Amino acid sequence: MTKVEFIKKIENGSDIMFNVDKMPLVIFTWCENGIGIGEQHKDTPLSYFETANELVENYRVNGIPLADLCDKIVITDYS
């Protein structure tokens, strides 16, 4: 998946569950604080971003921006 394709999925989705680099993540686009992203099944707080592009550019998985990992994303649930 390309960066542009992933951004469009975020902009048009509600809940997105996916794996990247063996890490299960979730995105919620309906949060009051913006678009939330975090690890699935963890009690750690979500990180929030104003736009899908900001999320993809600034959220890091193992120190690597999500933008650089888009080709490794496997969506497991999308609504």
PDB file of N, CA and C in Angstrom:
ATOM      1  N   MET A   1       0.842  -1.152   0.000  1.00  0.00           N
ATOM      2  CA  MET A   1       0.000   0.000   0.000  1.00  0.00           C
ATOM      3  C   MET A   1       0.902   1.234   0.000  1.00  0.00           C
ATOM      4  N   THR A   2       0.487   2.235  -0.749  1.00  0.00           N
ATOM      5  CA  THR A   2       1.267   3.465  -0.787  1.00  0.00           C
ATOM      6  C   THR A   2       0.838   4.395   0.339  1.00  0.00           C
ATOM      7  N   LYS A   3       1.638   5.403   0.590  1.00  0.00           N
ATOM      8  CA  LYS A   3       1.325   6.400   1.600  1.00  0.00           C
ATOM      9  C   LYS A   3       0.004   7.091   1.272  1.00  0.00           C
ATOM     10  N   VAL A   4      -0.188   7.467   0.021  1.00  0.00           N
ATOM     11  CA  VAL A   4      -1.416   8.148  -0.409  1.00  0.00           C
ATOM     12  C   VAL A   4      -2.634   7.248  -0.205  1.00  0.00           C
ATOM     13  N   GLU A   5      -2.509   5.974  -0.546  1.00  0.00           N
ATOM     14  CA  GLU A   5      -3.621   5.033  -0.345  1.00  0.00           C
ATOM     15  C   GLU A   5      -3.969   4.896   1.134  1.00  0.00           C
ATOM     16  N   PHE A   6      -2.956   4.830   1.995  1.00  0.00           N
ATOM     17  CA  PHE A   6      -3.203   4.682   3.419  1.00  0.00           C
ATOM     18  C   PHE A   6      -3.860   5.945   3.984  1.00  0.00           C
ATOM     19  N   ILE A   7      -3.407   7.098   3.582  1.00  0.00           N
ATOM     20  CA  ILE A   7      -4.016   8.357   4.028  1.00  0.00           C
ATOM     21  C   ILE A   7      -5.478   8.399   3.622  1.00  0.00           C
ATOM     22  N   LYS A   8      -5.805   7.987   2.410  1.00  0.00           N
ATOM     23  CA  LYS A   8      -7.210   7.959   1.962  1.00  0.00           C
ATOM     24  C   LYS A   8      -8.034   6.995   2.801  1.00  0.00           C
ATOM     25  N   LYS A   9      -7.464   5.845   3.161  1.00  0.00           N
ATOM     26  CA  LYS A   9      -8.174   4.881   4.025  1.00  0.00           C
ATOM     27  C   LYS A   9      -8.488   5.532   5.369  1.00  0.00           C
ATOM     28  N   ILE A  10      -7.529   6.246   5.932  1.00  0.00           N
ATOM     29  CA  ILE A  10      -7.747   6.910   7.215  1.00  0.00           C
ATOM     30  C   ILE A  10      -8.832   7.977   7.073  1.00  0.00           C
ATOM     31  N   GLU A  11      -8.752   8.776   6.040  1.00  0.00           N
ATOM     32  CA  GLU A  11      -9.721   9.861   5.831  1.00  0.00           C
ATOM     33  C   GLU A  11     -11.137   9.344   5.603  1.00  0.00           C
ATOM     34  N   ASN A  12     -11.268   8.145   5.062  1.00  0.00           N
ATOM     35  CA  ASN A  12     -12.593   7.598   4.739  1.00  0.00           C
ATOM     36  C   ASN A  12     -13.059   6.512   5.699  1.00  0.00           C
ATOM     37  N   GLY A  13     -12.254   6.186   6.693  1.00  0.00           N
ATOM     38  CA  GLY A  13     -12.599   5.111   7.619  1.00  0.00           C
ATOM     39  C   GLY A  13     -13.059   5.635   8.967  1.00  0.00           C
ATOM     40  N   SER A  14     -13.476   4.710   9.802  1.00  0.00           N
ATOM     41  CA  SER A  14     -13.892   5.020  11.158  1.00  0.00           C
ATOM     42  C   SER A  14     -12.940   4.340  12.148  1.00  0.00           C
ATOM     43  N   ASP A  15     -12.864   3.015  12.068  1.00  0.00           N
ATOM     44  CA  ASP A  15     -11.937   2.220  12.867  1.00  0.00           C
ATOM     45  C   ASP A  15     -11.067   1.407  11.908  1.00  0.00           C
ATOM     46  N   ILE A  16      -9.771   1.445  12.119  1.00  0.00           N
ATOM     47  CA  ILE A  16      -8.848   0.689  11.269  1.00  0.00           C
ATOM     48  C   ILE A  16      -7.914  -0.107  12.172  1.00  0.00           C
ATOM     49  N   MET A  17      -7.931  -1.407  12.024  1.00  0.00           N
ATOM     50  CA  MET A  17      -6.990  -2.269  12.734  1.00  0.00           C
ATOM     51  C   MET A  17      -5.998  -2.790  11.697  1.00  0.00           C
ATOM     52  N   PHE A  18      -4.726  -2.734  12.040  1.00  0.00           N
ATOM     53  CA  PHE A  18      -3.717  -3.168  11.077  1.00  0.00           C
ATOM     54  C   PHE A  18      -2.454  -3.592  11.802  1.00  0.00           C
ATOM     55  N   ASN A  19      -1.624  -4.304  11.070  1.00  0.00           N
ATOM     56  CA  ASN A  19      -0.313  -4.716  11.552  1.00  0.00           C
ATOM     57  C   ASN A  19       0.740  -4.067  10.675  1.00  0.00           C
ATOM     58  N   VAL A  20       1.814  -3.664  11.319  1.00  0.00           N
ATOM     59  CA  VAL A  20       2.967  -3.160  10.572  1.00  0.00           C
ATOM     60  C   VAL A  20       4.215  -3.575  11.348  1.00  0.00           C
ATOM     61  N   ASP A  21       5.112  -4.204  10.657  1.00  0.00           N
ATOM     62  CA  ASP A  21       6.355  -4.666  11.280  1.00  0.00           C
ATOM     63  C   ASP A  21       6.067  -5.505  12.528  1.00  0.00           C
ATOM     64  N   LYS A  22       5.064  -6.377  12.414  1.00  0.00           N
ATOM     65  CA  LYS A  22       4.617  -7.307  13.473  1.00  0.00           C
ATOM     66  C   LYS A  22       4.012  -6.604  14.689  1.00  0.00           C
ATOM     67  N   MET A  23       3.670  -5.319  14.558  1.00  0.00           N
ATOM     68  CA  MET A  23       3.040  -4.587  15.651  1.00  0.00           C
ATOM     69  C   MET A  23       1.573  -4.346  15.308  1.00  0.00           C
ATOM     70  N   PRO A  24       0.643  -4.811  16.157  1.00  0.00           N
ATOM     71  CA  PRO A  24      -0.784  -4.572  15.916  1.00  0.00           C
ATOM     72  C   PRO A  24      -1.181  -3.173  16.401  1.00  0.00           C
ATOM     73  N   LEU A  25      -1.721  -2.380  15.481  1.00  0.00           N
ATOM     74  CA  LEU A  25      -2.110  -1.007  15.783  1.00  0.00           C
ATOM     75  C   LEU A  25      -3.578  -0.782  15.447  1.00  0.00           C
ATOM     76  N   VAL A  26      -4.130   0.296  15.999  1.00  0.00           N
ATOM     77  CA  VAL A  26      -5.509   0.669  15.720  1.00  0.00           C
ATOM     78  C   VAL A  26      -5.574   2.184  15.530  1.00  0.00           C
ATOM     79  N   ILE A  27      -6.448   2.603  14.615  1.00  0.00           N
ATOM     80  CA  ILE A  27      -6.705   4.022  14.379  1.00  0.00           C
ATOM     81  C   ILE A  27      -8.194   4.259  14.571  1.00  0.00           C
ATOM     82  N   PHE A  28      -8.526   5.308  15.347  1.00  0.00           N
ATOM     83  CA  PHE A  28      -9.908   5.747  15.531  1.00  0.00           C
ATOM     84  C   PHE A  28     -10.010   7.166  14.984  1.00  0.00           C
ATOM     85  N   THR A  29     -10.855   7.365  13.994  1.00  0.00           N
ATOM     86  CA  THR A  29     -10.940   8.682  13.361  1.00  0.00           C
ATOM     87  C   THR A  29     -12.010   9.567  13.989  1.00  0.00           C
ATOM     88  N   TRP A  30     -12.774   9.060  14.928  1.00  0.00           N
ATOM     89  CA  TRP A  30     -13.924   9.761  15.487  1.00  0.00           C
ATOM     90  C   TRP A  30     -13.685  10.353  16.867  1.00  0.00           C
ATOM     91  N   CYS A  31     -12.465  10.364  17.354  1.00  0.00           N
ATOM     92  CA  CYS A  31     -12.163  10.856  18.705  1.00  0.00           C
ATOM     93  C   CYS A  31     -12.275  12.377  18.792  1.00  0.00           C
ATOM     94  N   GLU A  32     -12.658  12.869  19.957  1.00  0.00           N
ATOM     95  CA  GLU A  32     -12.765  14.314  20.187  1.00  0.00           C
ATOM     96  C   GLU A  32     -11.430  15.027  20.033  1.00  0.00           C
ATOM     97  N   ASN A  33     -10.343  14.356  20.398  1.00  0.00           N
ATOM     98  CA  ASN A  33      -9.012  14.970  20.366  1.00  0.00           C
ATOM     99  C   ASN A  33      -8.343  14.910  19.001  1.00  0.00           C
ATOM    100  N   GLY A  34      -8.998  14.351  18.010  1.00  0.00           N
ATOM    101  CA  GLY A  34      -8.423  14.204  16.681  1.00  0.00           C
ATOM    102  C   GLY A  34      -8.408  12.738  16.280  1.00  0.00           C
ATOM    103  N   ILE A  35      -7.537  12.381  15.394  1.00  0.00           N
ATOM    104  CA  ILE A  35      -7.395  10.998  14.938  1.00  0.00           C
ATOM    105  C   ILE A  35      -6.446  10.291  15.906  1.00  0.00           C
ATOM    106  N   GLY A  36      -6.950   9.237  16.554  1.00  0.00           N
ATOM    107  CA  GLY A  36      -6.150   8.522  17.548  1.00  0.00           C
ATOM    108  C   GLY A  36      -5.516   7.269  16.975  1.00  0.00           C
ATOM    109  N   ILE A  37      -4.281   7.007  17.392  1.00  0.00           N
ATOM    110  CA  ILE A  37      -3.575   5.798  16.982  1.00  0.00           C
ATOM    111  C   ILE A  37      -2.826   5.233  18.189  1.00  0.00           C
ATOM    112  N   GLY A  38      -2.798   3.904  18.271  1.00  0.00           N
ATOM    113  CA  GLY A  38      -2.058   3.256  19.345  1.00  0.00           C
ATOM    114  C   GLY A  38      -2.000   1.761  19.129  1.00  0.00           C
ATOM    115  N   GLU A  39      -1.301   1.097  20.031  1.00  0.00           N
ATOM    116  CA  GLU A  39      -1.184  -0.355  19.954  1.00  0.00           C
ATOM    117  C   GLU A  39      -2.487  -1.014  20.385  1.00  0.00           C
ATOM    118  N   GLN A  40      -2.876  -2.052  19.666  1.00  0.00           N
ATOM    119  CA  GLN A  40      -4.057  -2.818  20.032  1.00  0.00           C
ATOM    120  C   GLN A  40      -3.795  -3.556  21.340  1.00  0.00           C
ATOM    121  N   HIS A  41      -4.831  -3.693  22.134  1.00  0.00           N
ATOM    122  CA  HIS A  41      -4.802  -4.494  23.357  1.00  0.00           C
ATOM    123  C   HIS A  41      -3.789  -3.997  24.386  1.00  0.00           C
ATOM    124  N   LYS A  42      -3.470  -2.729  24.358  1.00  0.00           N
ATOM    125  CA  LYS A  42      -2.561  -2.133  25.351  1.00  0.00           C
ATOM    126  C   LYS A  42      -3.327  -1.053  26.107  1.00  0.00           C
ATOM    127  N   ASP A  43      -2.981  -0.858  27.341  1.00  0.00           N
ATOM    128  CA  ASP A  43      -3.606   0.185  28.135  1.00  0.00           C
ATOM    129  C   ASP A  43      -2.846   1.500  28.071  1.00  0.00           C
ATOM    130  N   THR A  44      -2.022   1.654  27.061  1.00  0.00           N
ATOM    131  CA  THR A  44      -1.275   2.896  26.897  1.00  0.00           C
ATOM    132  C   THR A  44      -2.145   3.922  26.179  1.00  0.00           C
ATOM    133  N   PRO A  45      -1.944   5.204  26.459  1.00  0.00           N
ATOM    134  CA  PRO A  45      -2.764   6.234  25.817  1.00  0.00           C
ATOM    135  C   PRO A  45      -2.535   6.290  24.309  1.00  0.00           C
ATOM    136  N   LEU A  46      -3.576   6.715  23.600  1.00  0.00           N
ATOM    137  CA  LEU A  46      -3.458   6.917  22.161  1.00  0.00           C
ATOM    138  C   LEU A  46      -2.660   8.187  21.891  1.00  0.00           C
ATOM    139  N   SER A  47      -2.061   8.247  20.715  1.00  0.00           N
ATOM    140  CA  SER A  47      -1.456   9.483  20.215  1.00  0.00           C
ATOM    141  C   SER A  47      -2.476  10.105  19.275  1.00  0.00           C
ATOM    142  N   TYR A  48      -2.613  11.425  19.314  1.00  0.00           N
ATOM    143  CA  TYR A  48      -3.627  12.099  18.510  1.00  0.00           C
ATOM    144  C   TYR A  48      -2.991  13.046  17.504  1.00  0.00           C
ATOM    145  N   PHE A  49      -3.632  13.111  16.327  1.00  0.00           N
ATOM    146  CA  PHE A  49      -3.174  13.983  15.262  1.00  0.00           C
ATOM    147  C   PHE A  49      -4.380  14.663  14.625  1.00  0.00           C
ATOM    148  N   GLU A  50      -4.170  15.880  14.123  1.00  0.00           N
ATOM    149  CA  GLU A  50      -5.269  16.633  13.514  1.00  0.00           C
ATOM    150  C   GLU A  50      -5.668  16.093  12.145  1.00  0.00           C
ATOM    151  N   THR A  51      -4.698  15.598  11.393  1.00  0.00           N
ATOM    152  CA  THR A  51      -4.985  15.111  10.042  1.00  0.00           C
ATOM    153  C   THR A  51      -4.356  13.740   9.825  1.00  0.00           C
ATOM    154  N   ALA A  52      -4.871  13.049   8.825  1.00  0.00           N
ATOM    155  CA  ALA A  52      -4.313  11.748   8.459  1.00  0.00           C
ATOM    156  C   ALA A  52      -2.867  11.896   8.006  1.00  0.00           C
ATOM    157  N   ASN A  53      -2.568  12.949   7.273  1.00  0.00           N
ATOM    158  CA  ASN A  53      -1.209  13.164   6.803  1.00  0.00           C
ATOM    159  C   ASN A  53      -0.253  13.371   7.976  1.00  0.00           C
ATOM    160  N   GLU A  54      -0.657  14.165   8.978  1.00  0.00           N
ATOM    161  CA  GLU A  54       0.190  14.371  10.156  1.00  0.00           C
ATOM    162  C   GLU A  54       0.445  13.056  10.881  1.00  0.00           C
ATOM    163  N   LEU A  55      -0.587  12.232  11.003  1.00  0.00           N
ATOM    164  CA  LEU A  55      -0.447  10.931  11.658  1.00  0.00           C
ATOM    165  C   LEU A  55       0.592  10.084  10.931  1.00  0.00           C
ATOM    166  N   VAL A  56       0.443   9.959   9.636  1.00  0.00           N
ATOM    167  CA  VAL A  56       1.339   9.103   8.844  1.00  0.00           C
ATOM    168  C   VAL A  56       2.777   9.631   8.860  1.00  0.00           C
ATOM    169  N   GLU A  57       2.940  10.930   8.859  1.00  0.00           N
ATOM    170  CA  GLU A  57       4.286  11.509   8.855  1.00  0.00           C
ATOM    171  C   GLU A  57       4.960  11.480  10.232  1.00  0.00           C
ATOM    172  N   ASN A  58       4.171  11.570  11.305  1.00  0.00           N
ATOM    173  CA  ASN A  58       4.757  11.772  12.626  1.00  0.00           C
ATOM    174  C   ASN A  58       4.667  10.592  13.589  1.00  0.00           C
ATOM    175  N   TYR A  59       3.746   9.655  13.389  1.00  0.00           N
ATOM    176  CA  TYR A  59       3.670   8.501  14.281  1.00  0.00           C
ATOM    177  C   TYR A  59       4.805   7.536  13.929  1.00  0.00           C
ATOM    178  N   ARG A  60       5.496   7.051  14.935  1.00  0.00           N
ATOM    179  CA  ARG A  60       6.650   6.190  14.705  1.00  0.00           C
ATOM    180  C   ARG A  60       6.429   4.786  15.261  1.00  0.00           C
ATOM    181  N   VAL A  61       6.882   3.810  14.498  1.00  0.00           N
ATOM    182  CA  VAL A  61       6.876   2.407  14.899  1.00  0.00           C
ATOM    183  C   VAL A  61       8.332   1.983  14.974  1.00  0.00           C
ATOM    184  N   ASN A  62       8.768   1.652  16.175  1.00  0.00           N
ATOM    185  CA  ASN A  62      10.176   1.290  16.387  1.00  0.00           C
ATOM    186  C   ASN A  62      11.120   2.375  15.865  1.00  0.00           C
ATOM    187  N   GLY A  63      10.722   3.643  16.058  1.00  0.00           N
ATOM    188  CA  GLY A  63      11.551   4.770  15.663  1.00  0.00           C
ATOM    189  C   GLY A  63      11.447   5.169  14.204  1.00  0.00           C
ATOM    190  N   ILE A  64      10.647   4.456  13.426  1.00  0.00           N
ATOM    191  CA  ILE A  64      10.518   4.725  11.992  1.00  0.00           C
ATOM    192  C   ILE A  64       9.155   5.364  11.728  1.00  0.00           C
ATOM    193  N   PRO A  65       9.110   6.489  10.999  1.00  0.00           N
ATOM    194  CA  PRO A  65       7.818   7.104  10.684  1.00  0.00           C
ATOM    195  C   PRO A  65       6.922   6.123   9.917  1.00  0.00           C
ATOM    196  N   LEU A  66       5.642   6.136  10.265  1.00  0.00           N
ATOM    197  CA  LEU A  66       4.679   5.258   9.595  1.00  0.00           C
ATOM    198  C   LEU A  66       4.707   5.469   8.082  1.00  0.00           C
ATOM    199  N   ALA A  67       4.995   6.685   7.648  1.00  0.00           N
ATOM    200  CA  ALA A  67       5.071   6.987   6.212  1.00  0.00           C
ATOM    201  C   ALA A  67       6.084   6.100   5.496  1.00  0.00           C
ATOM    202  N   ASP A  68       7.145   5.738   6.195  1.00  0.00           N
ATOM    203  CA  ASP A  68       8.197   4.900   5.597  1.00  0.00           C
ATOM    204  C   ASP A  68       7.882   3.410   5.671  1.00  0.00           C
ATOM    205  N   LEU A  69       6.769   3.067   6.334  1.00  0.00           N
ATOM    206  CA  LEU A  69       6.404   1.655   6.510  1.00  0.00           C
ATOM    207  C   LEU A  69       5.110   1.278   5.787  1.00  0.00           C
ATOM    208  N   CYS A  70       4.541   2.198   5.014  1.00  0.00           N
ATOM    209  CA  CYS A  70       3.241   1.954   4.381  1.00  0.00           C
ATOM    210  C   CYS A  70       3.221   0.691   3.529  1.00  0.00           C
ATOM    211  N   ASP A  71       4.326   0.355   2.907  1.00  0.00           N
ATOM    212  CA  ASP A  71       4.362  -0.845   2.066  1.00  0.00           C
ATOM    213  C   ASP A  71       4.318  -2.131   2.889  1.00  0.00           C
ATOM    214  N   LYS A  72       4.465  -2.020   4.220  1.00  0.00           N
ATOM    215  CA  LYS A  72       4.430  -3.192   5.099  1.00  0.00           C
ATOM    216  C   LYS A  72       3.109  -3.301   5.869  1.00  0.00           C
ATOM    217  N   ILE A  73       2.184  -2.368   5.650  1.00  0.00           N
ATOM    218  CA  ILE A  73       0.913  -2.362   6.388  1.00  0.00           C
ATOM    219  C   ILE A  73      -0.011  -3.451   5.857  1.00  0.00           C
ATOM    220  N   VAL A  74      -0.582  -4.209   6.812  1.00  0.00           N
ATOM    221  CA  VAL A  74      -1.591  -5.217   6.487  1.00  0.00           C
ATOM    222  C   VAL A  74      -2.841  -4.875   7.313  1.00  0.00           C
ATOM    223  N   ILE A  75      -3.888  -4.429   6.632  1.00  0.00           N
ATOM    224  CA  ILE A  75      -5.120  -4.068   7.313  1.00  0.00           C
ATOM    225  C   ILE A  75      -5.871  -5.350   7.664  1.00  0.00           C
ATOM    226  N   THR A  76      -6.248  -5.476   8.946  1.00  0.00           N
ATOM    227  CA  THR A  76      -6.957  -6.665   9.412  1.00  0.00           C
ATOM    228  C   THR A  76      -8.455  -6.409   9.622  1.00  0.00           C
ATOM    229  N   ASP A  77      -8.842  -5.147   9.831  1.00  0.00           N
ATOM    230  CA  ASP A  77     -10.259  -4.795   9.973  1.00  0.00           C
ATOM    231  C   ASP A  77     -10.417  -3.322   9.616  1.00  0.00           C
ATOM    232  N   TYR A  78     -11.451  -3.018   8.855  1.00  0.00           N
ATOM    233  CA  TYR A  78     -11.651  -1.648   8.371  1.00  0.00           C
ATOM    234  C   TYR A  78     -13.139  -1.344   8.340  1.00  0.00           C
ATOM    235  N   SER A  79     -13.522  -0.291   9.011  1.00  0.00           N
ATOM    236  CA  SER A  79     -14.920   0.132   8.946  1.00  0.00           C
ATOM    237  C   SER A  79     -15.002   1.632   8.815  1.00  0.00           C
TER     238      SER A  79
END
